[in-house]
Protein backbone atom coordinates (compact mmCIF):
# COMPACT_ATOMS: atom_id res chain seq x y z
CA UNK A 1 0.00 0.00 0.00
CA UNK A 2 1.57 3.24 -1.10
CA UNK A 3 0.59 6.87 -1.28
CA UNK A 4 -1.08 9.21 1.11
CA UNK A 5 -4.62 10.18 2.03
CA UNK A 6 -6.07 13.14 3.89
CA UNK A 7 -7.92 12.96 7.17
CA UNK A 8 -9.91 16.05 8.10
CA UNK A 9 -10.53 16.35 11.84
CA UNK A 10 -12.85 19.13 12.96
CA UNK A 11 -13.66 20.59 16.38
CA UNK A 12 -10.18 19.99 17.80
CA UNK A 13 -10.19 20.99 21.48
CA UNK A 14 -8.27 24.26 22.06
CA UNK A 15 -6.00 22.62 24.65
CA UNK A 16 -4.80 20.05 22.12
CA UNK A 17 -4.26 22.71 19.43
CA UNK A 18 -2.27 24.85 21.87
CA UNK A 19 -0.03 21.92 22.85
CA UNK A 20 0.44 20.87 19.23
CA UNK A 21 1.32 24.43 18.21
CA UNK A 22 3.84 24.77 21.02
CA UNK A 23 5.58 21.51 20.21
CA UNK A 24 5.49 22.22 16.46
CA UNK A 25 7.05 25.64 17.04
CA UNK A 26 9.75 24.07 19.24
CA UNK A 27 10.55 21.46 16.54
CA UNK A 28 10.14 23.95 13.66
CA UNK A 29 7.58 21.86 11.81
CA UNK A 30 3.95 22.38 10.86
CA UNK A 31 1.18 21.57 13.33
CA UNK A 32 -0.18 19.00 10.89
CA UNK A 33 3.23 17.36 10.57
CA UNK A 34 3.60 17.22 14.35
CA UNK A 35 0.14 15.67 14.73
CA UNK A 36 0.81 13.01 12.09
CA UNK A 37 4.18 12.15 13.66
CA UNK A 38 2.56 11.74 17.08
CA UNK A 39 -0.27 9.57 15.74
CA UNK A 40 2.16 7.42 13.72
CA UNK A 41 4.39 6.88 16.75
CA UNK A 42 1.41 5.99 18.97
CA UNK A 43 0.22 3.41 16.42
CA UNK A 44 3.67 2.05 15.58
CA UNK A 45 3.87 3.21 11.96
CA UNK A 46 7.20 4.45 10.62
CA UNK A 47 7.05 7.37 8.23
CA UNK A 48 9.29 9.94 6.62
CA UNK A 49 8.63 13.50 7.88
CA UNK A 50 7.75 16.10 5.27
CA UNK A 51 10.26 18.70 6.55
CA UNK A 52 7.74 21.53 6.20
CA UNK A 53 8.60 24.31 8.63
CA UNK A 54 6.49 25.91 11.34
CA UNK A 55 4.23 28.72 10.20
CA UNK A 56 3.88 31.53 12.79
CA UNK A 57 0.26 32.21 13.65
CA UNK A 58 -0.88 28.70 12.80
CA UNK A 59 -3.00 26.89 15.35
CA UNK A 60 -5.76 29.51 15.38
CA UNK A 61 -8.26 26.99 14.05
CA UNK A 62 -10.09 23.93 15.27
CA UNK A 63 -9.50 21.92 12.09
CA UNK A 64 -6.59 19.65 11.24
CA UNK A 65 -6.02 18.42 7.70
CA UNK A 66 -3.66 15.49 8.11
CA UNK A 67 -1.86 13.94 5.15
CA UNK A 68 -1.06 10.41 6.27
CA UNK A 69 0.40 7.29 4.67
CA UNK A 70 -2.30 4.80 3.65
CA UNK A 71 -0.86 2.29 6.14
CA UNK A 72 -1.42 4.75 8.99
CA UNK A 73 -4.96 5.54 7.80
CA UNK A 74 -5.69 1.80 7.75
CA UNK A 75 -4.40 1.36 11.31
CA UNK A 76 -6.40 4.37 12.53
CA UNK A 77 -9.55 3.03 10.89
CA UNK A 78 -8.99 -0.46 12.31
CA UNK A 79 -8.52 0.99 15.81
CA UNK A 80 -11.70 3.04 15.41
CA UNK A 81 -13.67 -0.06 14.43
CA UNK A 82 -12.23 -2.06 17.35
CA UNK A 83 -13.20 0.65 19.84
CA UNK A 84 -16.54 1.47 18.18
CA UNK A 85 -15.19 4.96 17.60
CA UNK A 86 -14.26 7.39 14.88
CA UNK A 87 -11.10 8.19 12.98
CA UNK A 88 -11.15 11.66 14.57
CA UNK A 89 -11.48 10.12 18.01
CA UNK A 90 -8.55 7.76 17.51
CA UNK A 91 -6.36 10.61 16.24
CA UNK A 92 -7.24 12.87 19.17
CA UNK A 93 -6.80 10.04 21.69
CA UNK A 94 -3.28 9.39 20.35
CA UNK A 95 -2.39 13.08 20.57
CA UNK A 96 -3.90 13.41 24.06
CA UNK A 97 -1.93 10.37 25.22
CA UNK A 98 1.30 11.86 23.85
CA UNK A 99 0.77 15.01 25.90
CA UNK A 100 -0.28 13.13 29.05
CA UNK A 101 -3.83 14.46 28.91
CA UNK A 102 -6.76 12.50 30.33
CA UNK A 103 -7.99 9.69 28.11
CA UNK A 104 -9.86 11.09 25.14
CA UNK A 105 -13.12 9.37 24.15
CA UNK A 106 -12.89 7.84 20.66
CA UNK A 107 -16.64 7.41 20.19
CA UNK A 108 -19.03 9.49 18.20
CA UNK A 109 -19.90 12.88 19.63
CA UNK A 110 -23.25 14.56 19.71
CA UNK A 111 -23.65 17.45 17.35
CA UNK A 112 -26.00 20.34 17.83
CA UNK A 113 -28.76 20.93 15.34
CA UNK A 114 -27.84 23.26 12.49
C-alpha atoms as a PDB file:
ATOM      1  CA  UNK A   1       0.000   0.000   0.000  1.00  0.00           C
ATOM      2  CA  UNK A   2       1.574   3.245  -1.099  1.00  0.00           C
ATOM      3  CA  UNK A   3       0.590   6.873  -1.282  1.00  0.00           C
ATOM      4  CA  UNK A   4      -1.084   9.207   1.109  1.00  0.00           C
ATOM      5  CA  UNK A   5      -4.621  10.178   2.026  1.00  0.00           C
ATOM      6  CA  UNK A   6      -6.072  13.136   3.887  1.00  0.00           C
ATOM      7  CA  UNK A   7      -7.917  12.961   7.174  1.00  0.00           C
ATOM      8  CA  UNK A   8      -9.908  16.053   8.102  1.00  0.00           C
ATOM      9  CA  UNK A   9     -10.527  16.351  11.835  1.00  0.00           C
ATOM     10  CA  UNK A  10     -12.853  19.133  12.961  1.00  0.00           C
ATOM     11  CA  UNK A  11     -13.664  20.594  16.381  1.00  0.00           C
ATOM     12  CA  UNK A  12     -10.183  19.988  17.802  1.00  0.00           C
ATOM     13  CA  UNK A  13     -10.185  20.989  21.481  1.00  0.00           C
ATOM     14  CA  UNK A  14      -8.267  24.262  22.055  1.00  0.00           C
ATOM     15  CA  UNK A  15      -6.002  22.622  24.650  1.00  0.00           C
ATOM     16  CA  UNK A  16      -4.801  20.048  22.120  1.00  0.00           C
ATOM     17  CA  UNK A  17      -4.255  22.710  19.435  1.00  0.00           C
ATOM     18  CA  UNK A  18      -2.272  24.849  21.873  1.00  0.00           C
ATOM     19  CA  UNK A  19      -0.034  21.923  22.855  1.00  0.00           C
ATOM     20  CA  UNK A  20       0.443  20.873  19.227  1.00  0.00           C
ATOM     21  CA  UNK A  21       1.322  24.434  18.205  1.00  0.00           C
ATOM     22  CA  UNK A  22       3.841  24.769  21.019  1.00  0.00           C
ATOM     23  CA  UNK A  23       5.576  21.506  20.213  1.00  0.00           C
ATOM     24  CA  UNK A  24       5.490  22.220  16.458  1.00  0.00           C
ATOM     25  CA  UNK A  25       7.053  25.642  17.042  1.00  0.00           C
ATOM     26  CA  UNK A  26       9.752  24.066  19.238  1.00  0.00           C
ATOM     27  CA  UNK A  27      10.555  21.457  16.545  1.00  0.00           C
ATOM     28  CA  UNK A  28      10.137  23.953  13.664  1.00  0.00           C
ATOM     29  CA  UNK A  29       7.585  21.857  11.807  1.00  0.00           C
ATOM     30  CA  UNK A  30       3.948  22.379  10.862  1.00  0.00           C
ATOM     31  CA  UNK A  31       1.184  21.566  13.327  1.00  0.00           C
ATOM     32  CA  UNK A  32      -0.181  19.002  10.889  1.00  0.00           C
ATOM     33  CA  UNK A  33       3.230  17.358  10.566  1.00  0.00           C
ATOM     34  CA  UNK A  34       3.595  17.222  14.348  1.00  0.00           C
ATOM     35  CA  UNK A  35       0.139  15.674  14.728  1.00  0.00           C
ATOM     36  CA  UNK A  36       0.813  13.008  12.088  1.00  0.00           C
ATOM     37  CA  UNK A  37       4.183  12.147  13.665  1.00  0.00           C
ATOM     38  CA  UNK A  38       2.559  11.740  17.082  1.00  0.00           C
ATOM     39  CA  UNK A  39      -0.267   9.569  15.744  1.00  0.00           C
ATOM     40  CA  UNK A  40       2.158   7.418  13.716  1.00  0.00           C
ATOM     41  CA  UNK A  41       4.390   6.880  16.754  1.00  0.00           C
ATOM     42  CA  UNK A  42       1.408   5.995  18.973  1.00  0.00           C
ATOM     43  CA  UNK A  43       0.215   3.410  16.421  1.00  0.00           C
ATOM     44  CA  UNK A  44       3.668   2.049  15.579  1.00  0.00           C
ATOM     45  CA  UNK A  45       3.869   3.208  11.956  1.00  0.00           C
ATOM     46  CA  UNK A  46       7.196   4.449  10.619  1.00  0.00           C
ATOM     47  CA  UNK A  47       7.053   7.371   8.229  1.00  0.00           C
ATOM     48  CA  UNK A  48       9.288   9.936   6.619  1.00  0.00           C
ATOM     49  CA  UNK A  49       8.632  13.497   7.884  1.00  0.00           C
ATOM     50  CA  UNK A  50       7.753  16.105   5.268  1.00  0.00           C
ATOM     51  CA  UNK A  51      10.258  18.700   6.554  1.00  0.00           C
ATOM     52  CA  UNK A  52       7.742  21.534   6.200  1.00  0.00           C
ATOM     53  CA  UNK A  53       8.598  24.311   8.634  1.00  0.00           C
ATOM     54  CA  UNK A  54       6.490  25.907  11.342  1.00  0.00           C
ATOM     55  CA  UNK A  55       4.234  28.723  10.197  1.00  0.00           C
ATOM     56  CA  UNK A  56       3.878  31.527  12.787  1.00  0.00           C
ATOM     57  CA  UNK A  57       0.263  32.214  13.655  1.00  0.00           C
ATOM     58  CA  UNK A  58      -0.878  28.700  12.803  1.00  0.00           C
ATOM     59  CA  UNK A  59      -2.998  26.890  15.351  1.00  0.00           C
ATOM     60  CA  UNK A  60      -5.756  29.509  15.375  1.00  0.00           C
ATOM     61  CA  UNK A  61      -8.257  26.986  14.046  1.00  0.00           C
ATOM     62  CA  UNK A  62     -10.091  23.929  15.266  1.00  0.00           C
ATOM     63  CA  UNK A  63      -9.504  21.918  12.089  1.00  0.00           C
ATOM     64  CA  UNK A  64      -6.587  19.647  11.237  1.00  0.00           C
ATOM     65  CA  UNK A  65      -6.017  18.421   7.696  1.00  0.00           C
ATOM     66  CA  UNK A  66      -3.662  15.485   8.115  1.00  0.00           C
ATOM     67  CA  UNK A  67      -1.859  13.936   5.151  1.00  0.00           C
ATOM     68  CA  UNK A  68      -1.063  10.412   6.266  1.00  0.00           C
ATOM     69  CA  UNK A  69       0.399   7.289   4.667  1.00  0.00           C
ATOM     70  CA  UNK A  70      -2.297   4.796   3.650  1.00  0.00           C
ATOM     71  CA  UNK A  71      -0.855   2.287   6.141  1.00  0.00           C
ATOM     72  CA  UNK A  72      -1.421   4.745   8.989  1.00  0.00           C
ATOM     73  CA  UNK A  73      -4.962   5.542   7.798  1.00  0.00           C
ATOM     74  CA  UNK A  74      -5.687   1.798   7.747  1.00  0.00           C
ATOM     75  CA  UNK A  75      -4.404   1.364  11.311  1.00  0.00           C
ATOM     76  CA  UNK A  76      -6.396   4.370  12.530  1.00  0.00           C
ATOM     77  CA  UNK A  77      -9.551   3.027  10.889  1.00  0.00           C
ATOM     78  CA  UNK A  78      -8.989  -0.459  12.312  1.00  0.00           C
ATOM     79  CA  UNK A  79      -8.515   0.988  15.811  1.00  0.00           C
ATOM     80  CA  UNK A  80     -11.699   3.044  15.406  1.00  0.00           C
ATOM     81  CA  UNK A  81     -13.667  -0.055  14.430  1.00  0.00           C
ATOM     82  CA  UNK A  82     -12.226  -2.058  17.354  1.00  0.00           C
ATOM     83  CA  UNK A  83     -13.201   0.646  19.837  1.00  0.00           C
ATOM     84  CA  UNK A  84     -16.536   1.474  18.182  1.00  0.00           C
ATOM     85  CA  UNK A  85     -15.194   4.961  17.604  1.00  0.00           C
ATOM     86  CA  UNK A  86     -14.256   7.391  14.883  1.00  0.00           C
ATOM     87  CA  UNK A  87     -11.101   8.186  12.978  1.00  0.00           C
ATOM     88  CA  UNK A  88     -11.148  11.657  14.569  1.00  0.00           C
ATOM     89  CA  UNK A  89     -11.483  10.117  18.012  1.00  0.00           C
ATOM     90  CA  UNK A  90      -8.545   7.757  17.509  1.00  0.00           C
ATOM     91  CA  UNK A  91      -6.355  10.611  16.244  1.00  0.00           C
ATOM     92  CA  UNK A  92      -7.241  12.874  19.172  1.00  0.00           C
ATOM     93  CA  UNK A  93      -6.805  10.037  21.688  1.00  0.00           C
ATOM     94  CA  UNK A  94      -3.280   9.395  20.350  1.00  0.00           C
ATOM     95  CA  UNK A  95      -2.389  13.082  20.573  1.00  0.00           C
ATOM     96  CA  UNK A  96      -3.902  13.411  24.064  1.00  0.00           C
ATOM     97  CA  UNK A  97      -1.926  10.367  25.221  1.00  0.00           C
ATOM     98  CA  UNK A  98       1.302  11.865  23.846  1.00  0.00           C
ATOM     99  CA  UNK A  99       0.766  15.010  25.902  1.00  0.00           C
ATOM    100  CA  UNK A 100      -0.282  13.130  29.045  1.00  0.00           C
ATOM    101  CA  UNK A 101      -3.831  14.460  28.905  1.00  0.00           C
ATOM    102  CA  UNK A 102      -6.760  12.497  30.325  1.00  0.00           C
ATOM    103  CA  UNK A 103      -7.987   9.688  28.108  1.00  0.00           C
ATOM    104  CA  UNK A 104      -9.865  11.092  25.138  1.00  0.00           C
ATOM    105  CA  UNK A 105     -13.125   9.370  24.146  1.00  0.00           C
ATOM    106  CA  UNK A 106     -12.888   7.842  20.658  1.00  0.00           C
ATOM    107  CA  UNK A 107     -16.645   7.407  20.187  1.00  0.00           C
ATOM    108  CA  UNK A 108     -19.033   9.495  18.203  1.00  0.00           C
ATOM    109  CA  UNK A 109     -19.903  12.878  19.634  1.00  0.00           C
ATOM    110  CA  UNK A 110     -23.250  14.556  19.715  1.00  0.00           C
ATOM    111  CA  UNK A 111     -23.652  17.445  17.354  1.00  0.00           C
ATOM    112  CA  UNK A 112     -26.005  20.343  17.825  1.00  0.00           C
ATOM    113  CA  UNK A 113     -28.763  20.933  15.335  1.00  0.00           C
ATOM    114  CA  UNK A 114     -27.844  23.257  12.488  1.00  0.00           C
END
